[in-house]
Amino acid sequence: MLTEHFYEVKAQWNEGRKGVLSSRDLDQTIACATPPEFAKGVPNIWSPEHLYAAAISSCFMTTFLAIAENSKLEFTDFSCNTQCKLEFVEGKYLITEAIVEPVVHLPHPERDAEKANKVLDKTKAACLITNSMKTTVVLDKKVVSDQEELIAQ
């Protein structure tokens, strides 16, 4: 396997504070804009801040799926919510913290809860997006049974 991969995304301005993201590798585009919290921001359109959080959540999910498969972890559902904190620090805006909240549903929690927690910890350690950023990453994990009962954190 190659040790280098390249991913290219083009941002094309449309009007005002709106644009479109595209990649020659992908069929779909994503509308993006300045978030409504800023001057001339646009509501209900993906912002760079949302995409930053999305990069974390999607990378965490795909990394989890690979590690869970390799670990033979049996699960019935997985979701990952990421909340990023944007602050004005020393004259510039920074995302200073990302709270990553994966939830794993287990059909056999009595057997697999410990394994699920280990897989989540390995996922945090291996996630290339969180390993590539300087934002503090907080992992707030949940392992639940299919009946929504909290098993472990």
C-alpha atoms as a PDB file:
ATOM      1  CA  MET A   1       0.000   0.000   0.000  1.00  0.00           C
ATOM      2  CA  LEU A   2       1.195   3.510  -0.758  1.00  0.00           C
ATOM      3  CA  THR A   3       2.374   5.626   2.156  1.00  0.00           C
ATOM      4  CA  GLU A   4       1.180   8.879   0.602  1.00  0.00           C
ATOM      5  CA  HIS A   5      -2.325   9.758  -0.519  1.00  0.00           C
ATOM      6  CA  PHE A   6      -3.643  13.077  -1.758  1.00  0.00           C
ATOM      7  CA  TYR A   7      -7.155  14.478  -1.345  1.00  0.00           C
ATOM      8  CA  GLU A   8      -8.080  17.631  -3.183  1.00  0.00           C
ATOM      9  CA  VAL A   9     -11.121  19.814  -2.560  1.00  0.00           C
ATOM     10  CA  LYS A  10     -11.966  22.965  -4.465  1.00  0.00           C
ATOM     11  CA  ALA A  11     -13.922  25.827  -2.894  1.00  0.00           C
ATOM     12  CA  GLN A  12     -15.714  27.931  -5.510  1.00  0.00           C
ATOM     13  CA  TRP A  13     -17.276  31.225  -4.451  1.00  0.00           C
ATOM     14  CA  ASN A  14     -20.840  31.821  -5.694  1.00  0.00           C
ATOM     15  CA  GLU A  15     -22.181  35.005  -4.124  1.00  0.00           C
ATOM     16  CA  GLY A  16     -22.086  36.912  -0.867  1.00  0.00           C
ATOM     17  CA  ARG A  17     -20.597  34.594   1.733  1.00  0.00           C
ATOM     18  CA  LYS A  18     -21.590  31.367  -0.054  1.00  0.00           C
ATOM     19  CA  GLY A  19     -19.725  28.865  -2.170  1.00  0.00           C
ATOM     20  CA  VAL A  20     -19.564  25.232  -3.207  1.00  0.00           C
ATOM     21  CA  LEU A  21     -17.067  22.518  -2.326  1.00  0.00           C
ATOM     22  CA  SER A  22     -16.226  19.906  -4.921  1.00  0.00           C
ATOM     23  CA  SER A  23     -13.618  17.307  -5.727  1.00  0.00           C
ATOM     24  CA  ARG A  24     -12.764  15.756  -9.042  1.00  0.00           C
ATOM     25  CA  ASP A  25     -12.820  12.423  -7.161  1.00  0.00           C
ATOM     26  CA  LEU A  26     -16.454  12.835  -6.060  1.00  0.00           C
ATOM     27  CA  ASP A  27     -19.838  13.158  -7.773  1.00  0.00           C
ATOM     28  CA  GLN A  28     -21.527  15.339  -5.135  1.00  0.00           C
ATOM     29  CA  THR A  29     -20.871  18.924  -4.125  1.00  0.00           C
ATOM     30  CA  ILE A  30     -21.470  20.617  -0.757  1.00  0.00           C
ATOM     31  CA  ALA A  31     -22.759  24.160  -0.380  1.00  0.00           C
ATOM     32  CA  CYS A  32     -20.798  26.090   2.240  1.00  0.00           C
ATOM     33  CA  ALA A  33     -20.956  29.549   3.757  1.00  0.00           C
ATOM     34  CA  THR A  34     -19.860  31.759   6.606  1.00  0.00           C
ATOM     35  CA  PRO A  35     -21.822  30.620   9.685  1.00  0.00           C
ATOM     36  CA  PRO A  36     -24.638  32.902  10.873  1.00  0.00           C
ATOM     37  CA  GLU A  37     -22.723  33.833  14.054  1.00  0.00           C
ATOM     38  CA  PHE A  38     -20.434  36.024  11.919  1.00  0.00           C
ATOM     39  CA  ALA A  39     -21.176  39.172   9.912  1.00  0.00           C
ATOM     40  CA  LYS A  40     -23.124  38.369   6.748  1.00  0.00           C
ATOM     41  CA  GLY A  41     -23.219  34.703   7.760  1.00  0.00           C
ATOM     42  CA  VAL A  42     -25.762  32.397   6.165  1.00  0.00           C
ATOM     43  CA  PRO A  43     -27.955  30.010   8.177  1.00  0.00           C
ATOM     44  CA  ASN A  44     -28.735  26.423   7.160  1.00  0.00           C
ATOM     45  CA  ILE A  45     -25.623  25.875   5.038  1.00  0.00           C
ATOM     46  CA  TRP A  46     -22.545  23.865   5.984  1.00  0.00           C
ATOM     47  CA  SER A  47     -19.788  26.120   7.336  1.00  0.00           C
ATOM     48  CA  PRO A  48     -16.046  25.443   7.648  1.00  0.00           C
ATOM     49  CA  GLU A  49     -16.670  24.955  11.370  1.00  0.00           C
ATOM     50  CA  HIS A  50     -19.329  22.307  10.681  1.00  0.00           C
ATOM     51  CA  LEU A  51     -17.041  20.637   8.162  1.00  0.00           C
ATOM     52  CA  TYR A  52     -14.209  20.567  10.717  1.00  0.00           C
ATOM     53  CA  ALA A  53     -16.488  18.749  13.175  1.00  0.00           C
ATOM     54  CA  ALA A  54     -17.729  16.526  10.332  1.00  0.00           C
ATOM     55  CA  ALA A  55     -14.153  15.558   9.464  1.00  0.00           C
ATOM     56  CA  ILE A  56     -13.632  14.463  13.064  1.00  0.00           C
ATOM     57  CA  SER A  57     -16.905  12.494  13.300  1.00  0.00           C
ATOM     58  CA  SER A  58     -16.546  10.796   9.932  1.00  0.00           C
ATOM     59  CA  CYS A  59     -12.898   9.871  10.496  1.00  0.00           C
ATOM     60  CA  PHE A  60     -13.682   8.562  13.976  1.00  0.00           C
ATOM     61  CA  MET A  61     -16.500   6.441  12.521  1.00  0.00           C
ATOM     62  CA  THR A  62     -14.473   4.960   9.657  1.00  0.00           C
ATOM     63  CA  THR A  63     -11.537   4.262  11.974  1.00  0.00           C
ATOM     64  CA  PHE A  64     -13.875   2.608  14.493  1.00  0.00           C
ATOM     65  CA  LEU A  65     -15.413   0.437  11.774  1.00  0.00           C
ATOM     66  CA  ALA A  66     -11.994  -0.847  10.691  1.00  0.00           C
ATOM     67  CA  ILE A  67     -10.754  -1.499  14.225  1.00  0.00           C
ATOM     68  CA  ALA A  68     -14.059  -3.102  15.295  1.00  0.00           C
ATOM     69  CA  GLU A  69     -13.923  -5.423  12.300  1.00  0.00           C
ATOM     70  CA  ASN A  70     -10.309  -6.368  12.992  1.00  0.00           C
ATOM     71  CA  SER A  71     -11.178  -6.917  16.673  1.00  0.00           C
ATOM     72  CA  LYS A  72     -14.271  -8.940  15.753  1.00  0.00           C
ATOM     73  CA  LEU A  73     -16.475  -6.665  17.871  1.00  0.00           C
ATOM     74  CA  GLU A  74     -20.138  -7.447  17.317  1.00  0.00           C
ATOM     75  CA  PHE A  75     -22.255  -4.281  17.382  1.00  0.00           C
ATOM     76  CA  THR A  76     -25.653  -3.333  15.998  1.00  0.00           C
ATOM     77  CA  ASP A  77     -25.340   0.431  15.714  1.00  0.00           C
ATOM     78  CA  PHE A  78     -22.743   3.194  15.879  1.00  0.00           C
ATOM     79  CA  SER A  79     -23.021   6.959  15.862  1.00  0.00           C
ATOM     80  CA  CYS A  80     -20.563   9.729  16.627  1.00  0.00           C
ATOM     81  CA  ASN A  81     -21.465  13.297  17.563  1.00  0.00           C
ATOM     82  CA  THR A  82     -18.691  15.903  17.659  1.00  0.00           C
ATOM     83  CA  GLN A  83     -19.040  19.327  19.235  1.00  0.00           C
ATOM     84  CA  CYS A  84     -16.292  21.848  18.499  1.00  0.00           C
ATOM     85  CA  LYS A  85     -15.640  24.911  20.650  1.00  0.00           C
ATOM     86  CA  LEU A  86     -14.654  28.064  18.733  1.00  0.00           C
ATOM     87  CA  GLU A  87     -12.919  30.761  20.767  1.00  0.00           C
ATOM     88  CA  PHE A  88     -11.181  34.064  20.114  1.00  0.00           C
ATOM     89  CA  VAL A  89      -7.653  33.514  21.493  1.00  0.00           C
ATOM     90  CA  GLU A  90      -4.768  35.980  21.272  1.00  0.00           C
ATOM     91  CA  GLY A  91      -6.392  37.936  18.462  1.00  0.00           C
ATOM     92  CA  LYS A  92      -7.582  35.038  16.299  1.00  0.00           C
ATOM     93  CA  TYR A  93     -10.328  32.438  16.143  1.00  0.00           C
ATOM     94  CA  LEU A  94      -9.369  28.878  17.011  1.00  0.00           C
ATOM     95  CA  ILE A  95     -11.248  25.674  17.580  1.00  0.00           C
ATOM     96  CA  THR A  96      -9.809  24.909  20.995  1.00  0.00           C
ATOM     97  CA  GLU A  97     -11.664  21.731  21.902  1.00  0.00           C
ATOM     98  CA  ALA A  98     -13.552  18.932  20.236  1.00  0.00           C
ATOM     99  CA  ILE A  99     -15.792  16.692  22.297  1.00  0.00           C
ATOM    100  CA  VAL A 100     -16.220  13.393  20.468  1.00  0.00           C
ATOM    101  CA  GLU A 101     -19.219  11.356  21.606  1.00  0.00           C
ATOM    102  CA  PRO A 102     -19.311   7.910  20.007  1.00  0.00           C
ATOM    103  CA  VAL A 103     -22.174   5.599  20.957  1.00  0.00           C
ATOM    104  CA  VAL A 104     -21.852   1.857  20.329  1.00  0.00           C
ATOM    105  CA  HIS A 105     -24.850  -0.473  20.630  1.00  0.00           C
ATOM    106  CA  LEU A 106     -24.021  -4.025  21.653  1.00  0.00           C
ATOM    107  CA  PRO A 107     -26.238  -7.086  21.305  1.00  0.00           C
ATOM    108  CA  HIS A 108     -24.200  -8.853  24.030  1.00  0.00           C
ATOM    109  CA  PRO A 109     -23.070  -6.112  26.450  1.00  0.00           C
ATOM    110  CA  GLU A 110     -22.155  -8.523  29.238  1.00  0.00           C
ATOM    111  CA  ARG A 111     -19.627 -10.146  26.916  1.00  0.00           C
ATOM    112  CA  ASP A 112     -18.420  -7.227  24.798  1.00  0.00           C
ATOM    113  CA  ALA A 113     -18.521  -3.991  26.842  1.00  0.00           C
ATOM    114  CA  GLU A 114     -14.831  -4.144  27.781  1.00  0.00           C
ATOM    115  CA  LYS A 115     -13.825  -4.973  24.207  1.00  0.00           C
ATOM    116  CA  ALA A 116     -15.949  -2.079  22.895  1.00  0.00           C
ATOM    117  CA  ASN A 117     -14.205   0.360  25.232  1.00  0.00           C
ATOM    118  CA  LYS A 118     -10.803  -0.894  24.091  1.00  0.00           C
ATOM    119  CA  VAL A 119     -11.836  -0.508  20.446  1.00  0.00           C
ATOM    120  CA  LEU A 120     -12.987   3.077  21.143  1.00  0.00           C
ATOM    121  CA  ASP A 121      -9.691   3.899  22.865  1.00  0.00           C
ATOM    122  CA  LYS A 122      -7.738   2.424  19.932  1.00  0.00           C
ATOM    123  CA  THR A 123      -9.939   4.434  17.575  1.00  0.00           C
ATOM    124  CA  LYS A 124      -9.073   7.689  19.339  1.00  0.00           C
ATOM    125  CA  ALA A 125      -5.376   6.832  19.171  1.00  0.00           C
ATOM    126  CA  ALA A 126      -5.557   5.921  15.460  1.00  0.00           C
ATOM    127  CA  CYS A 127      -7.928   8.580  14.067  1.00  0.00           C
ATOM    128  CA  LEU A 128      -5.862  10.453  11.483  1.00  0.00           C
ATOM    129  CA  ILE A 129      -7.922  13.649  11.631  1.00  0.00           C
ATOM    130  CA  THR A 130      -7.628  14.076  15.398  1.00  0.00           C
ATOM    131  CA  ASN A 131      -3.964  13.065  15.205  1.00  0.00           C
ATOM    132  CA  SER A 132      -3.423  15.783  12.592  1.00  0.00           C
ATOM    133  CA  MET A 133      -4.884  18.747  14.459  1.00  0.00           C
ATOM    134  CA  LYS A 134      -3.727  20.808  17.394  1.00  0.00           C
ATOM    135  CA  THR A 135      -7.191  21.080  18.919  1.00  0.00           C
ATOM    136  CA  THR A 136      -7.572  19.292  22.238  1.00  0.00           C
ATOM    137  CA  VAL A 137      -9.755  16.243  21.659  1.00  0.00           C
ATOM    138  CA  VAL A 138     -11.960  14.970  24.479  1.00  0.00           C
ATOM    139  CA  LEU A 139     -13.420  11.495  24.002  1.00  0.00           C
ATOM    140  CA  ASP A 140     -16.830  11.159  25.688  1.00  0.00           C
ATOM    141  CA  LYS A 141     -17.680   7.597  24.736  1.00  0.00           C
ATOM    142  CA  LYS A 142     -20.803   5.569  25.449  1.00  0.00           C
ATOM    143  CA  VAL A 143     -21.372   1.852  25.074  1.00  0.00           C
ATOM    144  CA  VAL A 144     -25.041   0.921  25.306  1.00  0.00           C
ATOM    145  CA  SER A 145     -27.140  -2.176  24.927  1.00  0.00           C
ATOM    146  CA  ASP A 146     -29.724  -2.360  22.176  1.00  0.00           C
ATOM    147  CA  GLN A 147     -32.271  -1.334  24.814  1.00  0.00           C
ATOM    148  CA  GLU A 148     -30.409   2.019  25.314  1.00  0.00           C
ATOM    149  CA  GLU A 149     -29.101   0.969  28.740  1.00  0.00           C
ATOM    150  CA  LEU A 150     -25.749   2.602  29.484  1.00  0.00           C
ATOM    151  CA  ILE A 151     -23.119  -0.111  29.859  1.00  0.00           C
ATOM    152  CA  ALA A 152     -19.873   1.812  30.219  1.00  0.00           C
ATOM    153  CA  GLN A 153     -18.235   5.175  29.688  1.00  0.00           C
END
